Amino acid sequence: NLEMRKHLVEMIRQHLGDFPKRLWQNTTAKYEYCPIPGVAYKRLEKELFCHNYYLANLCDELRFPNWPISEPAEVFRACLEEWKKQMTRDEEKEEDAQEEA
């Protein structure tokens, strides 16, 4: 959506810093490569993303009926891995809560 697009453009601008201005002034300016950090979106904070699919969308048969899954076994494996990560996080939170109590 438009809000997410604006956020992405702003993150890219921050990452590039003054390079676009320097490039405008000198077309032979060299860009020192630095990988851009991951971009996080508040709207997607609670979404689970597994093997190129947001699970909420994948499971929404009203909005996305008969959505083809290109690699179903890989999607399933990714879901299992994400589930394991979630379980580990939940267990760690419980242990931390018990230690604080």
N, C-alpha and C. Protein backbone atom coordinates (compact mmCIF):
# COMPACT_ATOMS: atom_id res chain seq x y z
N ASN A 1 0.83 -1.18 0.00
CA ASN A 1 0.00 0.00 0.00
C ASN A 1 0.88 1.25 0.00
N LEU A 2 0.27 2.38 -0.12
CA LEU A 2 1.00 3.63 -0.25
C LEU A 2 1.86 3.93 0.98
N GLU A 3 1.32 3.68 2.16
CA GLU A 3 2.07 3.94 3.40
C GLU A 3 3.34 3.08 3.46
N MET A 4 3.23 1.83 3.10
CA MET A 4 4.39 0.94 3.13
C MET A 4 5.42 1.36 2.07
N ARG A 5 4.94 1.77 0.91
CA ARG A 5 5.84 2.22 -0.15
C ARG A 5 6.61 3.46 0.31
N LYS A 6 5.92 4.41 0.95
CA LYS A 6 6.58 5.62 1.46
C LYS A 6 7.64 5.26 2.49
N HIS A 7 7.31 4.31 3.35
CA HIS A 7 8.26 3.86 4.38
C HIS A 7 9.50 3.26 3.73
N LEU A 8 9.30 2.42 2.72
CA LEU A 8 10.43 1.81 2.02
C LEU A 8 11.31 2.87 1.36
N VAL A 9 10.69 3.83 0.68
CA VAL A 9 11.46 4.90 0.03
C VAL A 9 12.26 5.68 1.06
N GLU A 10 11.65 5.97 2.21
CA GLU A 10 12.37 6.70 3.26
C GLU A 10 13.55 5.89 3.80
N MET A 11 13.37 4.59 3.99
CA MET A 11 14.46 3.75 4.48
C MET A 11 15.61 3.70 3.46
N ILE A 12 15.27 3.65 2.19
CA ILE A 12 16.30 3.64 1.15
C ILE A 12 17.02 4.98 1.11
N ARG A 13 16.27 6.07 1.25
CA ARG A 13 16.90 7.41 1.29
C ARG A 13 17.88 7.51 2.45
N GLN A 14 17.46 7.02 3.60
CA GLN A 14 18.35 7.06 4.77
C GLN A 14 19.60 6.22 4.51
N HIS A 15 19.40 5.07 3.89
CA HIS A 15 20.53 4.18 3.63
C HIS A 15 21.53 4.83 2.65
N LEU A 16 21.02 5.47 1.63
CA LEU A 16 21.89 6.09 0.62
C LEU A 16 22.55 7.37 1.11
N GLY A 17 21.94 8.01 2.10
CA GLY A 17 22.53 9.23 2.65
C GLY A 17 22.65 10.32 1.60
N ASP A 18 23.84 10.90 1.50
CA ASP A 18 24.03 12.00 0.55
C ASP A 18 24.51 11.54 -0.82
N PHE A 19 24.58 10.24 -1.05
CA PHE A 19 25.08 9.75 -2.34
C PHE A 19 24.30 10.26 -3.54
N PRO A 20 22.96 10.29 -3.55
CA PRO A 20 22.25 10.83 -4.72
C PRO A 20 22.66 12.27 -5.05
N LYS A 21 22.87 13.08 -4.01
CA LYS A 21 23.30 14.46 -4.23
C LYS A 21 24.71 14.50 -4.82
N ARG A 22 25.61 13.68 -4.25
CA ARG A 22 26.97 13.63 -4.78
C ARG A 22 26.99 13.11 -6.22
N LEU A 23 26.14 12.15 -6.52
CA LEU A 23 26.07 11.60 -7.88
C LEU A 23 25.56 12.65 -8.86
N TRP A 24 24.61 13.48 -8.41
CA TRP A 24 24.08 14.55 -9.26
C TRP A 24 25.19 15.56 -9.58
N GLN A 25 26.04 15.81 -8.57
CA GLN A 25 27.13 16.77 -8.76
C GLN A 25 28.29 16.18 -9.56
N ASN A 26 28.49 14.87 -9.43
CA ASN A 26 29.61 14.21 -10.11
C ASN A 26 29.13 12.83 -10.56
N THR A 27 28.86 12.70 -11.84
CA THR A 27 28.29 11.45 -12.36
C THR A 27 29.26 10.28 -12.31
N THR A 28 30.52 10.55 -11.97
CA THR A 28 31.49 9.46 -11.85
C THR A 28 31.73 9.08 -10.39
N ALA A 29 30.93 9.64 -9.48
CA ALA A 29 31.08 9.32 -8.06
C ALA A 29 30.91 7.83 -7.86
N LYS A 30 31.72 7.28 -6.99
CA LYS A 30 31.65 5.84 -6.71
C LYS A 30 30.80 5.60 -5.47
N TYR A 31 29.97 4.60 -5.57
CA TYR A 31 29.13 4.20 -4.44
C TYR A 31 29.83 3.09 -3.69
N GLU A 32 30.06 3.30 -2.41
CA GLU A 32 30.66 2.25 -1.59
C GLU A 32 29.53 1.34 -1.12
N TYR A 33 29.56 0.10 -1.61
CA TYR A 33 28.49 -0.84 -1.33
C TYR A 33 28.43 -1.16 0.16
N CYS A 34 27.23 -1.10 0.67
CA CYS A 34 26.94 -1.51 2.04
C CYS A 34 25.55 -2.12 1.99
N PRO A 35 25.39 -3.37 2.40
CA PRO A 35 24.06 -3.99 2.32
C PRO A 35 23.04 -3.21 3.15
N ILE A 36 21.87 -3.07 2.59
CA ILE A 36 20.80 -2.37 3.31
C ILE A 36 20.23 -3.31 4.37
N PRO A 37 20.02 -2.80 5.58
CA PRO A 37 19.41 -3.66 6.60
C PRO A 37 17.95 -3.96 6.23
N GLY A 38 17.42 -5.00 6.82
CA GLY A 38 16.04 -5.37 6.56
C GLY A 38 15.10 -4.22 6.90
N VAL A 39 14.06 -4.09 6.13
CA VAL A 39 13.06 -3.05 6.36
C VAL A 39 11.87 -3.68 7.08
N ALA A 40 11.52 -3.11 8.22
CA ALA A 40 10.40 -3.64 9.00
C ALA A 40 9.19 -2.73 8.81
N TYR A 41 8.03 -3.35 8.72
CA TYR A 41 6.78 -2.62 8.56
C TYR A 41 5.89 -2.92 9.75
N LYS A 42 5.40 -1.87 10.40
CA LYS A 42 4.53 -2.07 11.58
C LYS A 42 3.32 -2.92 11.24
N ARG A 43 2.76 -2.70 10.05
CA ARG A 43 1.56 -3.44 9.65
C ARG A 43 1.81 -4.95 9.57
N LEU A 44 3.06 -5.34 9.33
CA LEU A 44 3.39 -6.76 9.16
C LEU A 44 4.07 -7.36 10.40
N GLU A 45 4.16 -6.59 11.47
CA GLU A 45 4.86 -7.05 12.67
C GLU A 45 4.38 -8.41 13.17
N LYS A 46 3.09 -8.60 13.17
CA LYS A 46 2.53 -9.83 13.75
C LYS A 46 2.24 -10.91 12.71
N GLU A 47 2.63 -10.65 11.48
CA GLU A 47 2.41 -11.62 10.41
C GLU A 47 3.52 -12.67 10.40
N LEU A 48 3.17 -13.88 10.04
CA LEU A 48 4.16 -14.93 9.87
C LEU A 48 4.44 -15.09 8.38
N PHE A 49 5.71 -15.04 8.03
CA PHE A 49 6.14 -15.13 6.64
C PHE A 49 6.94 -16.42 6.49
N CYS A 50 6.46 -17.31 5.65
CA CYS A 50 7.12 -18.61 5.46
C CYS A 50 7.26 -18.90 3.97
N HIS A 51 8.47 -19.00 3.52
CA HIS A 51 8.78 -19.39 2.14
C HIS A 51 7.95 -18.60 1.13
N ASN A 52 8.07 -17.29 1.19
CA ASN A 52 7.44 -16.35 0.25
C ASN A 52 5.93 -16.18 0.42
N TYR A 53 5.38 -16.61 1.52
CA TYR A 53 3.94 -16.45 1.75
C TYR A 53 3.69 -15.87 3.15
N TYR A 54 2.77 -14.90 3.22
CA TYR A 54 2.26 -14.49 4.52
C TYR A 54 1.13 -15.45 4.84
N LEU A 55 1.25 -16.14 5.96
CA LEU A 55 0.32 -17.23 6.27
C LEU A 55 -1.13 -16.75 6.41
N ALA A 56 -1.33 -15.56 6.93
CA ALA A 56 -2.71 -15.06 7.06
C ALA A 56 -3.36 -14.96 5.68
N ASN A 57 -2.61 -14.50 4.69
CA ASN A 57 -3.15 -14.41 3.33
C ASN A 57 -3.33 -15.80 2.73
N LEU A 58 -2.37 -16.65 2.95
CA LEU A 58 -2.43 -17.99 2.38
C LEU A 58 -3.65 -18.76 2.91
N CYS A 59 -4.01 -18.50 4.15
CA CYS A 59 -5.14 -19.21 4.76
C CYS A 59 -6.48 -18.52 4.51
N ASP A 60 -6.46 -17.34 3.93
CA ASP A 60 -7.69 -16.59 3.69
C ASP A 60 -8.32 -17.01 2.37
N GLU A 61 -9.20 -18.00 2.44
CA GLU A 61 -9.82 -18.54 1.22
C GLU A 61 -10.91 -17.64 0.66
N LEU A 62 -11.38 -16.67 1.44
CA LEU A 62 -12.37 -15.73 0.91
C LEU A 62 -11.72 -14.73 -0.04
N ARG A 63 -10.61 -14.14 0.40
CA ARG A 63 -9.93 -13.15 -0.44
C ARG A 63 -9.03 -13.79 -1.48
N PHE A 64 -8.47 -14.95 -1.19
CA PHE A 64 -7.52 -15.60 -2.09
C PHE A 64 -7.91 -17.07 -2.33
N PRO A 65 -9.04 -17.30 -2.98
CA PRO A 65 -9.46 -18.69 -3.20
C PRO A 65 -8.54 -19.40 -4.19
N ASN A 66 -8.27 -20.66 -3.92
CA ASN A 66 -7.46 -21.51 -4.81
C ASN A 66 -6.10 -20.91 -5.14
N TRP A 67 -5.49 -20.29 -4.15
CA TRP A 67 -4.17 -19.70 -4.35
C TRP A 67 -3.17 -20.82 -4.61
N PRO A 68 -2.51 -20.83 -5.75
CA PRO A 68 -1.56 -21.92 -6.03
C PRO A 68 -0.30 -21.76 -5.19
N ILE A 69 0.17 -22.85 -4.65
CA ILE A 69 1.41 -22.86 -3.87
C ILE A 69 2.45 -23.56 -4.74
N SER A 70 3.49 -22.81 -5.10
CA SER A 70 4.45 -23.34 -6.07
C SER A 70 5.30 -24.49 -5.49
N GLU A 71 5.66 -24.41 -4.23
CA GLU A 71 6.48 -25.47 -3.61
C GLU A 71 5.87 -25.84 -2.26
N PRO A 72 4.79 -26.63 -2.27
CA PRO A 72 4.07 -26.90 -1.02
C PRO A 72 4.92 -27.57 0.06
N ALA A 73 5.81 -28.46 -0.32
CA ALA A 73 6.64 -29.13 0.70
C ALA A 73 7.57 -28.12 1.38
N GLU A 74 8.13 -27.20 0.60
CA GLU A 74 9.00 -26.18 1.17
C GLU A 74 8.23 -25.22 2.07
N VAL A 75 7.02 -24.88 1.67
CA VAL A 75 6.18 -24.02 2.51
C VAL A 75 5.89 -24.72 3.83
N PHE A 76 5.57 -26.00 3.76
CA PHE A 76 5.29 -26.77 4.97
C PHE A 76 6.52 -26.83 5.88
N ARG A 77 7.68 -27.09 5.29
CA ARG A 77 8.92 -27.12 6.09
C ARG A 77 9.17 -25.77 6.76
N ALA A 78 8.99 -24.69 6.00
CA ALA A 78 9.20 -23.35 6.54
C ALA A 78 8.23 -23.08 7.68
N CYS A 79 6.98 -23.53 7.54
CA CYS A 79 5.99 -23.37 8.61
C CYS A 79 6.41 -24.11 9.87
N LEU A 80 6.89 -25.32 9.69
CA LEU A 80 7.35 -26.09 10.85
C LEU A 80 8.53 -25.41 11.54
N GLU A 81 9.46 -24.90 10.76
CA GLU A 81 10.62 -24.20 11.33
C GLU A 81 10.18 -22.96 12.09
N GLU A 82 9.26 -22.20 11.51
CA GLU A 82 8.77 -21.00 12.17
C GLU A 82 8.02 -21.36 13.45
N TRP A 83 7.26 -22.44 13.40
CA TRP A 83 6.54 -22.90 14.58
C TRP A 83 7.51 -23.26 15.70
N LYS A 84 8.61 -23.96 15.34
CA LYS A 84 9.63 -24.31 16.33
C LYS A 84 10.24 -23.06 16.95
N LYS A 85 10.52 -22.05 16.11
CA LYS A 85 11.09 -20.80 16.61
C LYS A 85 10.12 -20.13 17.59
N GLN A 86 8.84 -20.11 17.22
CA GLN A 86 7.84 -19.50 18.09
C GLN A 86 7.76 -20.23 19.42
N MET A 87 7.80 -21.55 19.38
CA MET A 87 7.74 -22.34 20.61
C MET A 87 8.96 -22.04 21.49
N THR A 88 10.12 -21.95 20.89
CA THR A 88 11.34 -21.65 21.64
C THR A 88 11.25 -20.27 22.28
N ARG A 89 10.76 -19.27 21.52
CA ARG A 89 10.59 -17.92 22.07
C ARG A 89 9.62 -17.93 23.24
N ASP A 90 8.52 -18.66 23.09
CA ASP A 90 7.53 -18.72 24.16
C ASP A 90 8.12 -19.36 25.41
N GLU A 91 8.90 -20.42 25.22
CA GLU A 91 9.53 -21.08 26.37
C GLU A 91 10.53 -20.15 27.04
N GLU A 92 11.30 -19.41 26.26
CA GLU A 92 12.27 -18.48 26.82
C GLU A 92 11.56 -17.37 27.60
N LYS A 93 10.45 -16.88 27.08
CA LYS A 93 9.68 -15.85 27.79
C LYS A 93 9.17 -16.38 29.12
N GLU A 94 8.69 -17.62 29.12
CA GLU A 94 8.18 -18.22 30.35
C GLU A 94 9.31 -18.37 31.37
N GLU A 95 10.49 -18.82 30.90
CA GLU A 95 11.63 -18.98 31.81
C GLU A 95 12.06 -17.64 32.39
N ASP A 96 12.08 -16.61 31.55
CA ASP A 96 12.46 -15.27 32.02
C ASP A 96 11.44 -14.76 33.04
N ALA A 97 10.17 -15.00 32.80
CA ALA A 97 9.14 -14.56 33.72
C ALA A 97 9.28 -15.27 35.06
N GLN A 98 9.61 -16.55 35.03
CA GLN A 98 9.77 -17.33 36.26
C GLN A 98 11.00 -16.85 37.04
N GLU A 99 12.07 -16.50 36.30
CA GLU A 99 13.27 -16.01 36.97
C GLU A 99 13.04 -14.65 37.64
N GLU A 100 12.22 -13.81 36.99
CA GLU A 100 11.94 -12.49 37.54
C GLU A 100 11.04 -12.58 38.77
N ALA A 101 10.20 -13.62 38.83
CA ALA A 101 9.25 -13.73 39.93
C ALA A 101 9.90 -14.16 41.22
